[in-house]
């Protein structure tokens, strides 16, 4: 994987991929950042806004590229455009605003990430209710970790009719001190269990709001 930009977003991706054993080549033009991360993962100092620099780095050989440049809109657009021109099969790009994201999509980025907006959205859901974790997958489909509403405690999932009454699906249940188990209609829910539940965000919020 090719990664351009070693700010907080890019460096976090590079360090995680390297720790997981994935091949990654990071490109950064700031000599201070290059010096800081040298020796921690494969890294070269170059200006990826220059298409010739990417060609010399062999960017055409990478199936996936991540553009972690976010503070400079011009640099972000130029790097993404260069990768599009090189025919990179999958381009992930960081955006700092909705307008920035719209531009990146228009020039050919396959996936656009707004880290701060995504994190803010997630935290808002967590602090406003009983949800312990919240992952929005796509088009409103969401997976959450939560405590069971009182009306489900002591009953099986089938008896509670959770899907019929609330339109959400309990995927798994974790009793205290035990492993998660895939849920069935016969799975009994206890007060101290953790539930993994999927469904549309609005329906999940309604279910989690139950006392």
C-alpha atoms as a PDB file:
ATOM      1  CA  UNK A   1       0.000   0.000   0.000  1.00  0.00           C
ATOM      2  CA  UNK A   2       1.171   3.523  -0.809  1.00  0.00           C
ATOM      3  CA  UNK A   3       0.496   6.180   1.826  1.00  0.00           C
ATOM      4  CA  UNK A   4       1.016   9.880   1.173  1.00  0.00           C
ATOM      5  CA  UNK A   5       1.257  12.227   4.141  1.00  0.00           C
ATOM      6  CA  UNK A   6       2.422  11.497   7.683  1.00  0.00           C
ATOM      7  CA  UNK A   7       0.275  13.770   9.785  1.00  0.00           C
ATOM      8  CA  UNK A   8      -1.702  12.273  12.667  1.00  0.00           C
ATOM      9  CA  UNK A   9      -4.081  10.463  10.297  1.00  0.00           C
ATOM     10  CA  UNK A  10      -1.473   9.106   7.891  1.00  0.00           C
ATOM     11  CA  UNK A  11       1.074   8.131  10.541  1.00  0.00           C
ATOM     12  CA  UNK A  12      -1.578   6.246  12.510  1.00  0.00           C
ATOM     13  CA  UNK A  13      -2.482   4.233   9.404  1.00  0.00           C
ATOM     14  CA  UNK A  14       1.164   3.547   8.555  1.00  0.00           C
ATOM     15  CA  UNK A  15       2.060   2.405  12.070  1.00  0.00           C
ATOM     16  CA  UNK A  16      -1.009   0.170  12.320  1.00  0.00           C
ATOM     17  CA  UNK A  17      -0.483  -1.441   8.915  1.00  0.00           C
ATOM     18  CA  UNK A  18       3.172  -2.056   9.696  1.00  0.00           C
ATOM     19  CA  UNK A  19       2.287  -3.605  13.056  1.00  0.00           C
ATOM     20  CA  UNK A  20      -0.217  -5.910  11.342  1.00  0.00           C
ATOM     21  CA  UNK A  21       2.460  -7.063   8.900  1.00  0.00           C
ATOM     22  CA  UNK A  22       1.161  -5.331   5.778  1.00  0.00           C
ATOM     23  CA  UNK A  23       3.566  -3.869   3.229  1.00  0.00           C
ATOM     24  CA  UNK A  24       3.371  -0.092   3.240  1.00  0.00           C
ATOM     25  CA  UNK A  25       5.458   2.639   1.629  1.00  0.00           C
ATOM     26  CA  UNK A  26       4.974   6.092   3.110  1.00  0.00           C
ATOM     27  CA  UNK A  27       5.723   9.292   1.194  1.00  0.00           C
ATOM     28  CA  UNK A  28       6.270  12.568   3.029  1.00  0.00           C
ATOM     29  CA  UNK A  29       7.852  15.845   1.917  1.00  0.00           C
ATOM     30  CA  UNK A  30       8.381  17.387   5.385  1.00  0.00           C
ATOM     31  CA  UNK A  31      11.980  16.526   6.419  1.00  0.00           C
ATOM     32  CA  UNK A  32      11.121  16.727  10.142  1.00  0.00           C
ATOM     33  CA  UNK A  33       8.363  14.123   9.819  1.00  0.00           C
ATOM     34  CA  UNK A  34      10.614  11.966   7.669  1.00  0.00           C
ATOM     35  CA  UNK A  35      13.325  12.093  10.338  1.00  0.00           C
ATOM     36  CA  UNK A  36      10.809  11.309  13.079  1.00  0.00           C
ATOM     37  CA  UNK A  37       9.456   8.157  11.411  1.00  0.00           C
ATOM     38  CA  UNK A  38      12.594   6.881   9.676  1.00  0.00           C
ATOM     39  CA  UNK A  39      13.273   3.306  10.759  1.00  0.00           C
ATOM     40  CA  UNK A  40       9.728   2.627  11.909  1.00  0.00           C
ATOM     41  CA  UNK A  41       8.360   1.652   8.475  1.00  0.00           C
ATOM     42  CA  UNK A  42       9.449   2.017   4.820  1.00  0.00           C
ATOM     43  CA  UNK A  43       9.536   5.730   4.075  1.00  0.00           C
ATOM     44  CA  UNK A  44      10.798   8.092   1.385  1.00  0.00           C
ATOM     45  CA  UNK A  45      10.997  11.864   1.263  1.00  0.00           C
ATOM     46  CA  UNK A  46       9.322  13.154  -1.873  1.00  0.00           C
ATOM     47  CA  UNK A  47       6.731  15.648  -3.079  1.00  0.00           C
ATOM     48  CA  UNK A  48       3.745  13.609  -4.285  1.00  0.00           C
ATOM     49  CA  UNK A  49       2.116  16.689  -5.812  1.00  0.00           C
ATOM     50  CA  UNK A  50       4.691  16.191  -8.549  1.00  0.00           C
ATOM     51  CA  UNK A  51       3.484  13.362 -10.807  1.00  0.00           C
ATOM     52  CA  UNK A  52       7.053  12.555 -11.870  1.00  0.00           C
ATOM     53  CA  UNK A  53       7.977  11.861  -8.245  1.00  0.00           C
ATOM     54  CA  UNK A  54       5.182   9.297  -7.988  1.00  0.00           C
ATOM     55  CA  UNK A  55       6.263   7.641 -11.214  1.00  0.00           C
ATOM     56  CA  UNK A  56       9.835   7.372  -9.946  1.00  0.00           C
ATOM     57  CA  UNK A  57       8.571   5.807  -6.714  1.00  0.00           C
ATOM     58  CA  UNK A  58       6.763   3.120  -8.690  1.00  0.00           C
ATOM     59  CA  UNK A  59       3.309   4.292  -7.605  1.00  0.00           C
ATOM     60  CA  UNK A  60       1.780   2.454 -10.583  1.00  0.00           C
ATOM     61  CA  UNK A  61       2.650  -0.843  -8.898  1.00  0.00           C
ATOM     62  CA  UNK A  62       0.440  -0.206  -5.864  1.00  0.00           C
ATOM     63  CA  UNK A  63      -3.133  -1.485  -5.859  1.00  0.00           C
ATOM     64  CA  UNK A  64      -4.192   0.764  -2.968  1.00  0.00           C
ATOM     65  CA  UNK A  65      -3.147   4.306  -2.106  1.00  0.00           C
ATOM     66  CA  UNK A  66      -4.122   6.452   0.868  1.00  0.00           C
ATOM     67  CA  UNK A  67      -3.881  10.233   0.670  1.00  0.00           C
ATOM     68  CA  UNK A  68      -3.481  11.418   4.240  1.00  0.00           C
ATOM     69  CA  UNK A  69      -2.822  15.037   3.257  1.00  0.00           C
ATOM     70  CA  UNK A  70      -5.618  17.127   4.734  1.00  0.00           C
ATOM     71  CA  UNK A  71      -4.425  20.540   5.864  1.00  0.00           C
ATOM     72  CA  UNK A  72      -3.629  21.715   2.336  1.00  0.00           C
ATOM     73  CA  UNK A  73      -6.609  21.422   0.021  1.00  0.00           C
ATOM     74  CA  UNK A  74      -4.445  22.109  -3.025  1.00  0.00           C
ATOM     75  CA  UNK A  75      -1.911  19.418  -2.142  1.00  0.00           C
ATOM     76  CA  UNK A  76      -4.658  16.912  -1.356  1.00  0.00           C
ATOM     77  CA  UNK A  77      -6.336  17.483  -4.698  1.00  0.00           C
ATOM     78  CA  UNK A  78      -3.067  17.391  -6.656  1.00  0.00           C
ATOM     79  CA  UNK A  79      -1.891  14.143  -5.044  1.00  0.00           C
ATOM     80  CA  UNK A  80      -5.273  12.484  -5.527  1.00  0.00           C
ATOM     81  CA  UNK A  81      -5.439  13.666  -9.131  1.00  0.00           C
ATOM     82  CA  UNK A  82      -1.947  12.313  -9.807  1.00  0.00           C
ATOM     83  CA  UNK A  83      -2.941   8.895  -8.457  1.00  0.00           C
ATOM     84  CA  UNK A  84      -6.112   8.918 -10.563  1.00  0.00           C
ATOM     85  CA  UNK A  85      -4.020   9.719 -13.664  1.00  0.00           C
ATOM     86  CA  UNK A  86      -1.720   6.799 -12.815  1.00  0.00           C
ATOM     87  CA  UNK A  87      -4.718   4.484 -12.734  1.00  0.00           C
ATOM     88  CA  UNK A  88      -4.451   3.462  -9.074  1.00  0.00           C
ATOM     89  CA  UNK A  89      -7.242   0.875  -8.560  1.00  0.00           C
ATOM     90  CA  UNK A  90      -8.253   2.003  -5.076  1.00  0.00           C
ATOM     91  CA  UNK A  91      -7.693   5.517  -3.742  1.00  0.00           C
ATOM     92  CA  UNK A  92      -8.638   6.461  -0.177  1.00  0.00           C
ATOM     93  CA  UNK A  93      -8.397  10.166   0.590  1.00  0.00           C
ATOM     94  CA  UNK A  94      -8.786  12.232   3.738  1.00  0.00           C
ATOM     95  CA  UNK A  95     -11.044  15.290   3.632  1.00  0.00           C
ATOM     96  CA  UNK A  96     -11.432  18.072   6.179  1.00  0.00           C
ATOM     97  CA  UNK A  97     -14.840  19.334   5.033  1.00  0.00           C
ATOM     98  CA  UNK A  98     -17.849  18.275   2.986  1.00  0.00           C
ATOM     99  CA  UNK A  99     -16.748  20.546   0.136  1.00  0.00           C
ATOM    100  CA  UNK A 100     -13.284  19.012   0.206  1.00  0.00           C
ATOM    101  CA  UNK A 101     -14.865  15.536   0.115  1.00  0.00           C
ATOM    102  CA  UNK A 102     -17.076  16.500  -2.839  1.00  0.00           C
ATOM    103  CA  UNK A 103     -14.049  17.683  -4.828  1.00  0.00           C
ATOM    104  CA  UNK A 104     -12.092  14.503  -4.075  1.00  0.00           C
ATOM    105  CA  UNK A 105     -15.014  12.369  -5.222  1.00  0.00           C
ATOM    106  CA  UNK A 106     -15.341  14.383  -8.432  1.00  0.00           C
ATOM    107  CA  UNK A 107     -11.703  13.999  -9.413  1.00  0.00           C
ATOM    108  CA  UNK A 108     -11.836  10.247  -8.932  1.00  0.00           C
ATOM    109  CA  UNK A 109     -11.133   9.210  -5.310  1.00  0.00           C
ATOM    110  CA  UNK A 110     -12.874   5.904  -4.666  1.00  0.00           C
ATOM    111  CA  UNK A 111     -13.284   6.390  -0.908  1.00  0.00           C
ATOM    112  CA  UNK A 112     -13.276   9.665   1.020  1.00  0.00           C
ATOM    113  CA  UNK A 113     -12.900   9.784   4.786  1.00  0.00           C
ATOM    114  CA  UNK A 114     -13.748  12.708   7.066  1.00  0.00           C
ATOM    115  CA  UNK A 115     -12.040  11.588  10.304  1.00  0.00           C
ATOM    116  CA  UNK A 116     -13.127  14.468  12.516  1.00  0.00           C
ATOM    117  CA  UNK A 117     -16.728  14.448  11.296  1.00  0.00           C
ATOM    118  CA  UNK A 118     -16.935  10.660  11.609  1.00  0.00           C
ATOM    119  CA  UNK A 119     -15.462  10.737  15.106  1.00  0.00           C
ATOM    120  CA  UNK A 120     -17.787  13.561  16.143  1.00  0.00           C
ATOM    121  CA  UNK A 121     -20.807  11.683  14.840  1.00  0.00           C
ATOM    122  CA  UNK A 122     -19.772   8.535  16.697  1.00  0.00           C
ATOM    123  CA  UNK A 123     -19.106  10.329  19.988  1.00  0.00           C
ATOM    124  CA  UNK A 124     -22.425  12.192  19.757  1.00  0.00           C
ATOM    125  CA  UNK A 125     -24.258   8.877  19.628  1.00  0.00           C
ATOM    126  CA  UNK A 126     -22.247   7.492  22.534  1.00  0.00           C
ATOM    127  CA  UNK A 127     -22.659  10.433  24.909  1.00  0.00           C
ATOM    128  CA  UNK A 128     -26.356  10.952  24.207  1.00  0.00           C
ATOM    129  CA  UNK A 129     -27.630   7.506  25.196  1.00  0.00           C
ATOM    130  CA  UNK A 130     -26.853   4.007  26.414  1.00  0.00           C
ATOM    131  CA  UNK A 131     -24.680   2.972  23.498  1.00  0.00           C
ATOM    132  CA  UNK A 132     -21.195   1.709  24.396  1.00  0.00           C
ATOM    133  CA  UNK A 133     -19.901   1.631  20.818  1.00  0.00           C
ATOM    134  CA  UNK A 134     -21.272   2.761  17.474  1.00  0.00           C
ATOM    135  CA  UNK A 135     -20.173   1.909  13.921  1.00  0.00           C
ATOM    136  CA  UNK A 136     -22.117   3.280  10.954  1.00  0.00           C
ATOM    137  CA  UNK A 137     -21.404   0.970   8.015  1.00  0.00           C
ATOM    138  CA  UNK A 138     -23.223   2.560   5.075  1.00  0.00           C
ATOM    139  CA  UNK A 139     -26.537   4.195   4.152  1.00  0.00           C
ATOM    140  CA  UNK A 140     -27.695   4.290   7.762  1.00  0.00           C
ATOM    141  CA  UNK A 141     -26.949   0.625   8.480  1.00  0.00           C
ATOM    142  CA  UNK A 142     -25.260   0.592  11.864  1.00  0.00           C
ATOM    143  CA  UNK A 143     -23.829  -1.839  14.410  1.00  0.00           C
ATOM    144  CA  UNK A 144     -23.831  -0.949  18.101  1.00  0.00           C
ATOM    145  CA  UNK A 145     -22.712  -2.373  21.424  1.00  0.00           C
ATOM    146  CA  UNK A 146     -25.188  -1.705  24.217  1.00  0.00           C
ATOM    147  CA  UNK A 147     -26.695  -2.821  27.507  1.00  0.00           C
ATOM    148  CA  UNK A 148     -30.018  -4.665  27.213  1.00  0.00           C
ATOM    149  CA  UNK A 149     -33.233  -2.733  27.882  1.00  0.00           C
ATOM    150  CA  UNK A 150     -34.993  -3.863  31.062  1.00  0.00           C
ATOM    151  CA  UNK A 151     -37.916  -5.391  29.174  1.00  0.00           C
ATOM    152  CA  UNK A 152     -35.584  -7.908  27.458  1.00  0.00           C
ATOM    153  CA  UNK A 153     -33.780  -9.044  30.587  1.00  0.00           C
ATOM    154  CA  UNK A 154     -34.558 -12.600  31.652  1.00  0.00           C
ATOM    155  CA  UNK A 155     -36.185 -13.449  28.339  1.00  0.00           C
ATOM    156  CA  UNK A 156     -34.929 -15.151  25.196  1.00  0.00           C
ATOM    157  CA  UNK A 157     -34.556 -13.090  22.038  1.00  0.00           C
ATOM    158  CA  UNK A 158     -37.511 -14.952  20.564  1.00  0.00           C
ATOM    159  CA  UNK A 159     -39.704 -14.193  23.567  1.00  0.00           C
ATOM    160  CA  UNK A 160     -38.780 -10.508  23.474  1.00  0.00           C
ATOM    161  CA  UNK A 161     -39.627 -10.274  19.730  1.00  0.00           C
ATOM    162  CA  UNK A 162     -36.923  -7.635  19.366  1.00  0.00           C
ATOM    163  CA  UNK A 163     -36.781  -7.731  15.568  1.00  0.00           C
ATOM    164  CA  UNK A 164     -40.577  -7.665  15.197  1.00  0.00           C
ATOM    165  CA  UNK A 165     -41.101  -4.864  17.718  1.00  0.00           C
ATOM    166  CA  UNK A 166     -38.086  -2.670  17.015  1.00  0.00           C
ATOM    167  CA  UNK A 167     -36.822  -3.651  13.552  1.00  0.00           C
ATOM    168  CA  UNK A 168     -33.289  -4.387  14.775  1.00  0.00           C
ATOM    169  CA  UNK A 169     -31.344  -7.651  14.998  1.00  0.00           C
ATOM    170  CA  UNK A 170     -29.326  -8.922  17.951  1.00  0.00           C
ATOM    171  CA  UNK A 171     -26.190 -10.386  16.387  1.00  0.00           C
ATOM    172  CA  UNK A 172     -24.363 -11.496  19.510  1.00  0.00           C
ATOM    173  CA  UNK A 173     -24.470 -11.564  23.285  1.00  0.00           C
ATOM    174  CA  UNK A 174     -21.568 -11.391  25.756  1.00  0.00           C
ATOM    175  CA  UNK A 175     -22.289 -12.550  29.300  1.00  0.00           C
ATOM    176  CA  UNK A 176     -19.905 -11.163  31.974  1.00  0.00           C
ATOM    177  CA  UNK A 177     -16.544 -12.928  31.907  1.00  0.00           C
ATOM    178  CA  UNK A 178     -17.439 -15.037  28.894  1.00  0.00           C
ATOM    179  CA  UNK A 179     -16.871 -14.865  25.128  1.00  0.00           C
ATOM    180  CA  UNK A 180     -19.334 -13.344  22.695  1.00  0.00           C
ATOM    181  CA  UNK A 181     -21.737 -15.888  21.239  1.00  0.00           C
ATOM    182  CA  UNK A 182     -23.808 -15.563  18.088  1.00  0.00           C
ATOM    183  CA  UNK A 183     -27.394 -14.925  19.061  1.00  0.00           C
ATOM    184  CA  UNK A 184     -30.308 -17.224  18.223  1.00  0.00           C
ATOM    185  CA  UNK A 185     -33.998 -17.079  19.060  1.00  0.00           C
ATOM    186  CA  UNK A 186     -33.211 -19.239  22.119  1.00  0.00           C
ATOM    187  CA  UNK A 187     -30.453 -16.983  23.483  1.00  0.00           C
ATOM    188  CA  UNK A 188     -31.465 -15.655  26.885  1.00  0.00           C
ATOM    189  CA  UNK A 189     -30.539 -12.085  27.797  1.00  0.00           C
ATOM    190  CA  UNK A 190     -29.392 -11.164  31.301  1.00  0.00           C
ATOM    191  CA  UNK A 191     -29.161  -7.732  32.897  1.00  0.00           C
ATOM    192  CA  UNK A 192     -25.359  -7.590  32.808  1.00  0.00           C
ATOM    193  CA  UNK A 193     -24.960  -8.872  29.249  1.00  0.00           C
ATOM    194  CA  UNK A 194     -23.542  -6.829  26.402  1.00  0.00           C
ATOM    195  CA  UNK A 195     -25.510  -6.915  23.152  1.00  0.00           C
ATOM    196  CA  UNK A 196     -24.235  -6.451  19.608  1.00  0.00           C
ATOM    197  CA  UNK A 197     -27.173  -5.161  17.604  1.00  0.00           C
ATOM    198  CA  UNK A 198     -27.507  -4.163  13.944  1.00  0.00           C
ATOM    199  CA  UNK A 199     -30.058  -2.162  12.014  1.00  0.00           C
ATOM    200  CA  UNK A 200     -30.885   1.330  10.820  1.00  0.00           C
ATOM    201  CA  UNK A 201     -29.446   4.051  13.052  1.00  0.00           C
ATOM    202  CA  UNK A 202     -32.842   5.564  13.882  1.00  0.00           C
ATOM    203  CA  UNK A 203     -34.286   2.208  14.923  1.00  0.00           C
ATOM    204  CA  UNK A 204     -31.240   1.402  17.020  1.00  0.00           C
ATOM    205  CA  UNK A 205     -31.488   4.740  18.792  1.00  0.00           C
ATOM    206  CA  UNK A 206     -35.138   4.019  19.615  1.00  0.00           C
ATOM    207  CA  UNK A 207     -34.293   0.547  20.917  1.00  0.00           C
ATOM    208  CA  UNK A 208     -31.364   1.833  22.997  1.00  0.00           C
ATOM    209  CA  UNK A 209     -33.601   4.532  24.509  1.00  0.00           C
ATOM    210  CA  UNK A 210     -35.798   1.902  26.156  1.00  0.00           C
ATOM    211  CA  UNK A 211     -35.409   1.931  29.967  1.00  0.00           C
END
